[in-house]
N, C-alpha and C. Protein backbone atom coordinates (compact mmCIF):
# COMPACT_ATOMS: atom_id res chain seq x y z
N MET A 1 172.13 96.66 51.10
CA MET A 1 171.83 98.06 51.08
C MET A 1 172.76 98.79 52.05
N THR A 2 173.09 99.99 51.65
CA THR A 2 173.90 100.88 52.46
C THR A 2 173.04 102.09 52.78
N ASN A 3 173.20 102.65 53.97
CA ASN A 3 172.48 103.85 54.33
C ASN A 3 173.36 105.06 54.08
N VAL A 4 172.76 106.11 53.51
CA VAL A 4 173.48 107.32 53.20
C VAL A 4 172.73 108.49 53.83
N LEU A 5 173.48 109.33 54.54
CA LEU A 5 172.93 110.51 55.18
C LEU A 5 173.20 111.72 54.31
N LEU A 6 172.15 112.45 54.01
CA LEU A 6 172.24 113.62 53.15
C LEU A 6 171.95 114.87 53.98
N THR A 7 172.90 115.80 54.01
CA THR A 7 172.75 117.06 54.75
C THR A 7 173.30 118.19 53.90
N PRO A 8 172.98 119.43 54.24
CA PRO A 8 173.56 120.55 53.49
C PRO A 8 175.02 120.81 53.86
N GLN A 9 175.52 120.19 54.93
CA GLN A 9 176.88 120.45 55.42
C GLN A 9 177.98 119.81 54.60
N GLY A 10 177.67 118.86 53.74
CA GLY A 10 178.74 118.20 52.99
C GLY A 10 178.19 117.16 52.05
N PRO A 11 179.09 116.36 51.47
CA PRO A 11 178.66 115.31 50.54
C PRO A 11 177.90 114.22 51.29
N PRO A 12 177.16 113.37 50.58
CA PRO A 12 176.47 112.26 51.23
C PRO A 12 177.46 111.42 52.05
N LEU A 13 177.00 110.97 53.21
CA LEU A 13 177.85 110.25 54.14
C LEU A 13 177.31 108.84 54.37
N SER A 14 178.15 107.83 54.17
CA SER A 14 177.76 106.45 54.43
C SER A 14 177.66 106.25 55.94
N VAL A 15 176.50 105.76 56.40
CA VAL A 15 176.26 105.61 57.83
C VAL A 15 175.56 104.29 58.10
N GLY A 16 175.40 103.97 59.38
CA GLY A 16 174.59 102.81 59.77
C GLY A 16 173.12 103.21 59.68
N GLY A 17 172.28 102.63 60.50
CA GLY A 17 170.86 102.95 60.49
C GLY A 17 170.53 104.12 61.39
N MET A 18 169.27 104.18 61.78
CA MET A 18 168.80 105.28 62.62
C MET A 18 169.53 105.33 63.96
N GLY A 19 170.04 104.19 64.42
CA GLY A 19 170.75 104.15 65.70
C GLY A 19 172.19 104.63 65.62
N ASP A 20 172.69 104.89 64.43
CA ASP A 20 174.06 105.36 64.26
C ASP A 20 174.20 106.73 64.93
N PRO A 21 175.23 106.91 65.78
CA PRO A 21 175.41 108.19 66.48
C PRO A 21 175.49 109.39 65.53
N SER A 22 176.10 109.21 64.36
CA SER A 22 176.21 110.35 63.45
C SER A 22 174.84 110.71 62.86
N VAL A 23 173.94 109.75 62.78
CA VAL A 23 172.57 110.04 62.31
C VAL A 23 171.79 110.72 63.43
N ALA A 24 171.86 110.14 64.62
CA ALA A 24 171.09 110.64 65.76
C ALA A 24 171.45 112.08 66.11
N THR A 25 172.71 112.46 65.95
CA THR A 25 173.14 113.80 66.34
C THR A 25 173.14 114.81 65.20
N THR A 26 172.81 114.38 64.00
CA THR A 26 172.79 115.30 62.87
C THR A 26 171.58 116.21 62.98
N PRO A 27 171.81 117.53 62.98
CA PRO A 27 170.66 118.44 63.03
C PRO A 27 169.99 118.47 61.66
N GLY A 28 168.74 118.89 61.65
CA GLY A 28 168.04 119.02 60.37
C GLY A 28 168.46 120.28 59.65
N PRO A 29 168.23 120.36 58.40
CA PRO A 29 167.57 119.37 57.56
C PRO A 29 168.51 118.23 57.20
N ALA A 30 167.96 117.03 57.17
CA ALA A 30 168.74 115.83 56.81
C ALA A 30 167.77 114.76 56.33
N VAL A 31 168.28 113.88 55.47
CA VAL A 31 167.49 112.74 54.99
C VAL A 31 168.38 111.51 55.00
N LEU A 32 167.81 110.40 55.44
CA LEU A 32 168.51 109.12 55.44
C LEU A 32 167.93 108.27 54.31
N PHE A 33 168.81 107.81 53.42
CA PHE A 33 168.42 106.99 52.28
C PHE A 33 169.05 105.62 52.37
N ALA A 34 168.37 104.62 51.82
CA ALA A 34 168.96 103.30 51.60
C ALA A 34 169.39 103.28 50.14
N THR A 35 170.63 102.90 49.90
CA THR A 35 171.16 102.86 48.54
C THR A 35 171.66 101.45 48.26
N PRO A 36 171.81 101.10 46.99
CA PRO A 36 172.40 99.80 46.67
C PRO A 36 173.77 99.68 47.34
N ALA A 37 174.14 98.47 47.69
CA ALA A 37 175.40 98.23 48.37
C ALA A 37 176.57 98.82 47.59
N ILE A 38 177.48 99.44 48.32
CA ILE A 38 178.68 100.03 47.73
C ILE A 38 179.83 99.10 48.02
N PRO A 39 180.47 98.54 47.00
CA PRO A 39 181.56 97.60 47.26
C PRO A 39 182.75 98.29 47.93
N ALA A 40 183.34 97.60 48.89
CA ALA A 40 184.52 98.15 49.57
C ALA A 40 185.71 98.05 48.63
N THR A 41 186.55 99.09 48.64
CA THR A 41 187.71 99.09 47.75
C THR A 41 189.00 98.76 48.48
N SER A 42 189.01 98.91 49.79
CA SER A 42 190.26 98.67 50.50
C SER A 42 190.07 97.72 51.68
N GLY A 43 189.03 96.91 51.62
CA GLY A 43 188.76 96.02 52.74
C GLY A 43 187.97 96.72 53.83
N ASP A 44 187.88 98.03 53.79
CA ASP A 44 187.12 98.81 54.75
C ASP A 44 185.73 99.02 54.18
N VAL A 45 184.74 98.87 54.98
CA VAL A 45 183.37 99.02 54.52
C VAL A 45 183.05 100.47 54.22
N GLY A 46 183.83 101.38 54.71
CA GLY A 46 183.60 102.79 54.44
C GLY A 46 182.66 103.45 55.42
N ARG A 47 182.37 102.81 56.51
CA ARG A 47 181.46 103.38 57.50
C ARG A 47 182.03 104.71 57.99
N GLY A 48 181.17 105.73 57.91
CA GLY A 48 181.59 107.04 58.38
C GLY A 48 182.32 107.84 57.33
N SER A 49 182.48 107.31 56.15
CA SER A 49 183.13 108.08 55.09
C SER A 49 182.17 108.22 53.92
N ALA A 50 182.47 109.13 53.03
CA ALA A 50 181.60 109.35 51.89
C ALA A 50 181.59 108.14 50.99
N PRO A 51 180.44 107.83 50.38
CA PRO A 51 180.38 106.72 49.44
C PRO A 51 181.35 106.94 48.30
N GLU A 52 181.86 105.82 47.74
CA GLU A 52 182.91 105.94 46.73
C GLU A 52 182.44 105.74 45.31
N THR A 53 181.14 105.59 45.07
CA THR A 53 180.66 105.45 43.70
C THR A 53 180.22 106.82 43.20
N PRO A 54 180.41 107.10 41.92
CA PRO A 54 180.00 108.40 41.39
C PRO A 54 178.52 108.67 41.64
N GLU A 55 177.66 107.65 41.53
CA GLU A 55 176.24 107.85 41.74
C GLU A 55 175.95 108.27 43.18
N ALA A 56 176.60 107.63 44.15
CA ALA A 56 176.35 107.95 45.55
C ALA A 56 176.99 109.27 45.96
N GLU A 57 177.98 109.74 45.24
CA GLU A 57 178.62 111.00 45.59
C GLU A 57 177.74 112.20 45.29
N SER A 58 176.83 112.08 44.38
CA SER A 58 175.98 113.17 43.97
C SER A 58 174.77 113.30 44.89
N THR A 59 174.50 114.51 45.36
CA THR A 59 173.33 114.76 46.18
C THR A 59 172.07 114.43 45.41
N VAL A 60 172.01 114.81 44.16
CA VAL A 60 170.83 114.55 43.33
C VAL A 60 170.64 113.06 43.13
N ALA A 61 171.72 112.33 42.86
CA ALA A 61 171.62 110.88 42.67
C ALA A 61 171.20 110.21 43.96
N THR A 62 171.72 110.66 45.09
CA THR A 62 171.35 110.07 46.37
C THR A 62 169.86 110.25 46.62
N ALA A 63 169.33 111.41 46.25
CA ALA A 63 167.91 111.70 46.47
C ALA A 63 167.00 110.79 45.65
N SER A 64 167.55 110.07 44.68
CA SER A 64 166.73 109.17 43.88
C SER A 64 166.68 107.77 44.49
N ASN A 65 167.35 107.54 45.59
CA ASN A 65 167.33 106.24 46.26
C ASN A 65 166.13 106.15 47.21
N ARG A 66 166.03 105.06 47.94
CA ARG A 66 164.89 104.82 48.82
C ARG A 66 165.02 105.63 50.12
N PRO A 67 164.15 106.63 50.32
CA PRO A 67 164.23 107.42 51.54
C PRO A 67 163.69 106.63 52.73
N LEU A 68 164.38 106.72 53.86
CA LEU A 68 163.95 106.02 55.07
C LEU A 68 163.35 106.98 56.09
N ALA A 69 164.00 108.14 56.26
CA ALA A 69 163.57 109.10 57.27
C ALA A 69 164.10 110.48 56.90
N TYR A 70 163.45 111.49 57.43
CA TYR A 70 163.94 112.86 57.24
C TYR A 70 163.84 113.60 58.56
N ARG A 71 164.60 114.67 58.63
CA ARG A 71 164.60 115.52 59.82
C ARG A 71 164.55 116.96 59.37
N GLU A 72 163.49 117.65 59.76
CA GLU A 72 163.40 119.07 59.47
C GLU A 72 164.26 119.82 60.49
N ALA A 73 164.65 121.05 60.15
CA ALA A 73 165.43 121.86 61.08
C ALA A 73 164.64 122.04 62.37
N GLY A 74 165.30 121.77 63.50
CA GLY A 74 164.68 121.94 64.81
C GLY A 74 163.66 120.89 65.19
N ALA A 75 163.58 119.79 64.43
CA ALA A 75 162.59 118.74 64.72
C ALA A 75 163.28 117.39 64.90
N ASP A 76 162.51 116.42 65.35
CA ASP A 76 163.01 115.05 65.51
C ASP A 76 162.98 114.34 64.15
N TRP A 77 163.64 113.20 64.10
CA TRP A 77 163.61 112.37 62.90
C TRP A 77 162.19 111.85 62.69
N HIS A 78 161.78 111.78 61.44
CA HIS A 78 160.48 111.22 61.07
C HIS A 78 160.71 110.07 60.11
N GLN A 79 160.32 108.85 60.50
CA GLN A 79 160.46 107.71 59.61
C GLN A 79 159.29 107.70 58.64
N LEU A 80 159.61 107.57 57.36
CA LEU A 80 158.58 107.58 56.32
C LEU A 80 157.79 106.28 56.31
N GLY A 81 156.52 106.39 56.03
CA GLY A 81 155.69 105.21 55.86
C GLY A 81 155.98 104.53 54.52
N TYR A 82 155.65 103.26 54.42
CA TYR A 82 155.97 102.50 53.21
C TYR A 82 155.33 103.11 51.96
N GLU A 83 154.13 103.68 52.09
CA GLU A 83 153.46 104.23 50.92
C GLU A 83 154.22 105.43 50.37
N ALA A 84 154.66 106.33 51.24
CA ALA A 84 155.43 107.50 50.80
C ALA A 84 156.75 107.06 50.17
N VAL A 85 157.39 106.07 50.77
CA VAL A 85 158.66 105.55 50.24
C VAL A 85 158.44 104.96 48.85
N ASP A 86 157.41 104.15 48.71
CA ASP A 86 157.12 103.53 47.41
C ASP A 86 156.78 104.59 46.36
N HIS A 87 156.03 105.59 46.74
CA HIS A 87 155.68 106.64 45.79
C HIS A 87 156.92 107.44 45.39
N TRP A 88 157.82 107.73 46.33
CA TRP A 88 159.05 108.46 46.00
C TRP A 88 159.87 107.66 45.00
N GLU A 89 159.99 106.37 45.24
CA GLU A 89 160.75 105.52 44.32
C GLU A 89 160.09 105.45 42.94
N GLY A 90 158.77 105.61 42.89
CA GLY A 90 158.05 105.57 41.63
C GLY A 90 158.20 106.83 40.79
N LEU A 91 158.68 107.90 41.40
CA LEU A 91 158.85 109.15 40.67
C LEU A 91 160.03 109.06 39.72
N SER A 92 159.88 109.61 38.55
CA SER A 92 161.02 109.69 37.63
C SER A 92 162.00 110.72 38.19
N PRO A 93 163.27 110.64 37.82
CA PRO A 93 164.24 111.63 38.30
C PRO A 93 163.80 113.06 37.95
N GLU A 94 163.22 113.24 36.78
CA GLU A 94 162.77 114.57 36.37
C GLU A 94 161.63 115.06 37.27
N LEU A 95 160.71 114.17 37.60
CA LEU A 95 159.58 114.56 38.46
C LEU A 95 160.06 114.83 39.88
N ARG A 96 161.01 114.04 40.38
CA ARG A 96 161.57 114.32 41.71
C ARG A 96 162.15 115.73 41.74
N GLN A 97 162.95 116.06 40.73
CA GLN A 97 163.56 117.39 40.67
C GLN A 97 162.49 118.48 40.59
N ARG A 98 161.45 118.22 39.82
CA ARG A 98 160.36 119.20 39.68
C ARG A 98 159.67 119.43 41.02
N LEU A 99 159.42 118.36 41.77
CA LEU A 99 158.76 118.49 43.06
C LEU A 99 159.66 119.11 44.13
N ILE A 100 160.94 118.88 44.03
CA ILE A 100 161.87 119.52 44.97
C ILE A 100 161.94 121.02 44.66
N ALA A 101 161.95 121.36 43.38
CA ALA A 101 162.01 122.77 42.99
C ALA A 101 160.70 123.50 43.27
N ASP A 102 159.57 122.80 43.18
CA ASP A 102 158.26 123.43 43.38
C ASP A 102 157.31 122.41 44.01
N ARG A 103 157.13 122.50 45.33
CA ARG A 103 156.29 121.55 46.04
C ARG A 103 154.82 121.70 45.69
N THR A 104 154.45 122.75 44.94
CA THR A 104 153.07 122.91 44.49
C THR A 104 152.91 122.53 43.02
N ALA A 105 153.94 121.91 42.45
CA ALA A 105 153.87 121.50 41.03
C ALA A 105 152.67 120.59 40.81
N GLN A 106 152.05 120.76 39.67
CA GLN A 106 150.87 119.98 39.33
C GLN A 106 151.25 118.80 38.44
N LEU A 107 150.59 117.67 38.68
CA LEU A 107 150.77 116.47 37.86
C LEU A 107 149.45 116.18 37.16
N SER A 108 149.54 115.79 35.93
CA SER A 108 148.34 115.38 35.21
C SER A 108 147.91 114.01 35.72
N ARG A 109 146.71 113.59 35.35
CA ARG A 109 146.22 112.27 35.73
C ARG A 109 147.17 111.19 35.21
N GLU A 110 147.69 111.37 34.01
CA GLU A 110 148.61 110.39 33.43
C GLU A 110 149.90 110.30 34.22
N GLU A 111 150.46 111.45 34.61
CA GLU A 111 151.70 111.44 35.42
C GLU A 111 151.44 110.77 36.77
N TYR A 112 150.29 111.09 37.38
CA TYR A 112 149.95 110.50 38.66
C TYR A 112 149.83 108.98 38.54
N SER A 113 149.14 108.54 37.51
CA SER A 113 148.93 107.11 37.29
C SER A 113 150.27 106.38 37.09
N THR A 114 151.16 106.99 36.31
CA THR A 114 152.48 106.40 36.09
C THR A 114 153.27 106.36 37.40
N THR A 115 153.22 107.45 38.15
CA THR A 115 153.96 107.56 39.41
C THR A 115 153.48 106.55 40.43
N THR A 116 152.17 106.30 40.46
CA THR A 116 151.61 105.38 41.45
C THR A 116 151.45 103.98 40.88
N ASP A 117 152.16 103.72 39.78
CA ASP A 117 152.21 102.39 39.16
C ASP A 117 150.83 101.89 38.76
N GLY A 118 150.06 102.78 38.15
CA GLY A 118 148.76 102.39 37.61
C GLY A 118 147.64 102.33 38.62
N ALA A 119 147.87 102.78 39.84
CA ALA A 119 146.80 102.79 40.83
C ALA A 119 145.68 103.69 40.35
N SER A 120 144.50 103.42 40.76
CA SER A 120 143.36 104.22 40.35
C SER A 120 143.55 105.67 40.76
N ALA A 121 143.30 106.57 39.84
CA ALA A 121 143.44 108.00 40.13
C ALA A 121 142.42 108.45 41.16
N SER A 122 141.36 107.68 41.35
CA SER A 122 140.36 108.06 42.35
C SER A 122 140.77 107.63 43.75
N MET A 123 141.85 106.83 43.85
CA MET A 123 142.32 106.38 45.15
C MET A 123 143.36 107.37 45.69
N ILE A 124 142.89 108.41 46.33
CA ILE A 124 143.79 109.42 46.88
C ILE A 124 144.30 108.95 48.23
N THR A 125 145.56 109.16 48.45
CA THR A 125 146.20 108.76 49.70
C THR A 125 146.58 110.01 50.47
N SER A 126 147.22 109.82 51.57
CA SER A 126 147.67 110.96 52.36
C SER A 126 148.88 111.65 51.72
N ASN A 127 149.40 111.10 50.61
CA ASN A 127 150.56 111.68 49.94
C ASN A 127 150.22 112.47 48.68
N TRP A 128 148.96 112.49 48.32
CA TRP A 128 148.55 113.19 47.10
C TRP A 128 147.21 113.88 47.35
N THR A 129 147.02 114.99 46.68
CA THR A 129 145.73 115.67 46.69
C THR A 129 145.37 116.00 45.25
N TYR A 130 144.10 116.15 44.98
CA TYR A 130 143.70 116.47 43.61
C TYR A 130 142.70 117.61 43.61
N PHE A 131 142.51 118.20 42.43
CA PHE A 131 141.58 119.30 42.25
C PHE A 131 141.26 119.43 40.77
N GLY A 132 140.18 120.17 40.47
CA GLY A 132 139.86 120.56 39.11
C GLY A 132 139.37 119.48 38.18
N SER A 133 139.07 119.98 36.97
CA SER A 133 138.65 119.10 35.89
C SER A 133 139.24 119.65 34.60
N PRO A 134 140.08 118.94 33.89
CA PRO A 134 140.49 117.58 34.20
C PRO A 134 141.29 117.55 35.50
N ARG A 135 141.25 116.42 36.13
CA ARG A 135 141.86 116.25 37.44
C ARG A 135 143.37 116.47 37.38
N MET A 136 143.86 117.28 38.33
CA MET A 136 145.29 117.54 38.50
C MET A 136 145.66 117.14 39.93
N TYR A 137 146.91 116.75 40.11
CA TYR A 137 147.38 116.25 41.40
C TYR A 137 148.53 117.08 41.91
N ARG A 138 148.65 117.10 43.24
CA ARG A 138 149.79 117.72 43.91
C ARG A 138 150.27 116.79 45.01
N VAL A 139 151.55 116.86 45.26
CA VAL A 139 152.13 116.07 46.33
C VAL A 139 151.66 116.64 47.67
N ALA A 140 151.47 115.76 48.66
CA ALA A 140 150.98 116.18 49.97
C ALA A 140 151.62 115.30 51.04
N GLY A 141 151.32 115.57 52.27
CA GLY A 141 151.75 114.74 53.40
C GLY A 141 153.25 114.51 53.47
N GLU A 142 153.63 113.28 53.74
CA GLU A 142 155.04 112.94 53.92
C GLU A 142 155.86 113.21 52.66
N LEU A 143 155.28 112.98 51.49
CA LEU A 143 156.03 113.25 50.25
C LEU A 143 156.37 114.73 50.13
N ARG A 144 155.42 115.58 50.46
CA ARG A 144 155.66 117.01 50.39
C ARG A 144 156.71 117.42 51.42
N GLU A 145 156.61 116.89 52.63
CA GLU A 145 157.58 117.21 53.68
C GLU A 145 158.97 116.75 53.27
N LEU A 146 159.08 115.55 52.69
CA LEU A 146 160.37 115.07 52.20
C LEU A 146 160.92 116.01 51.14
N ALA A 147 160.08 116.41 50.20
CA ALA A 147 160.51 117.34 49.14
C ALA A 147 160.96 118.67 49.74
N GLU A 148 160.29 119.13 50.77
CA GLU A 148 160.66 120.39 51.45
C GLU A 148 162.06 120.28 52.06
N VAL A 149 162.32 119.17 52.75
CA VAL A 149 163.62 118.97 53.39
C VAL A 149 164.71 118.86 52.31
N LEU A 150 164.43 118.11 51.25
CA LEU A 150 165.41 118.00 50.16
C LEU A 150 165.66 119.34 49.48
N ALA A 151 164.64 120.18 49.37
CA ALA A 151 164.82 121.51 48.81
C ALA A 151 165.76 122.34 49.68
N GLU A 152 165.62 122.21 51.00
CA GLU A 152 166.53 122.93 51.91
C GLU A 152 167.96 122.45 51.74
N ILE A 153 168.12 121.13 51.60
CA ILE A 153 169.45 120.55 51.48
C ILE A 153 170.12 120.95 50.17
N THR A 154 169.36 120.87 49.08
CA THR A 154 169.93 121.14 47.75
C THR A 154 169.93 122.62 47.41
N GLY A 155 169.26 123.43 48.22
CA GLY A 155 169.25 124.88 47.98
C GLY A 155 168.24 125.29 46.92
N ASP A 156 167.28 124.40 46.57
CA ASP A 156 166.25 124.76 45.59
C ASP A 156 165.14 125.55 46.25
């Protein structure tokens, strides 16, 4: 896995982990993602340079990888819990985009069940809230905060 730093200041940047100086000093909004390994093309691992695969070059494509941490403007880094990370990865690209565009977007019970890999719809976590009948869901907690930061970065 390679870590990629996503900020509004430029294209995704290949970085080390949370201890990397470029990560530590990056002001928010920013998100750190783990992406599939990017093969080196010139013997250089590419540390500190933009990823060289078309998928990693895209902000939208990077946002579909495994999020590790986010930083809101004026705040410290927040490492995501495993549940929020797993739920983000379970989102379809279309649903990720929908939640970034509208953090109050509603999901049907079927969408929620698919997103949470068949988990019981009655098992609400700190990342989802529900209301109404038939039951509708909204993103909450760390997932909502991640979507907020990504919205700032992508300009949605």
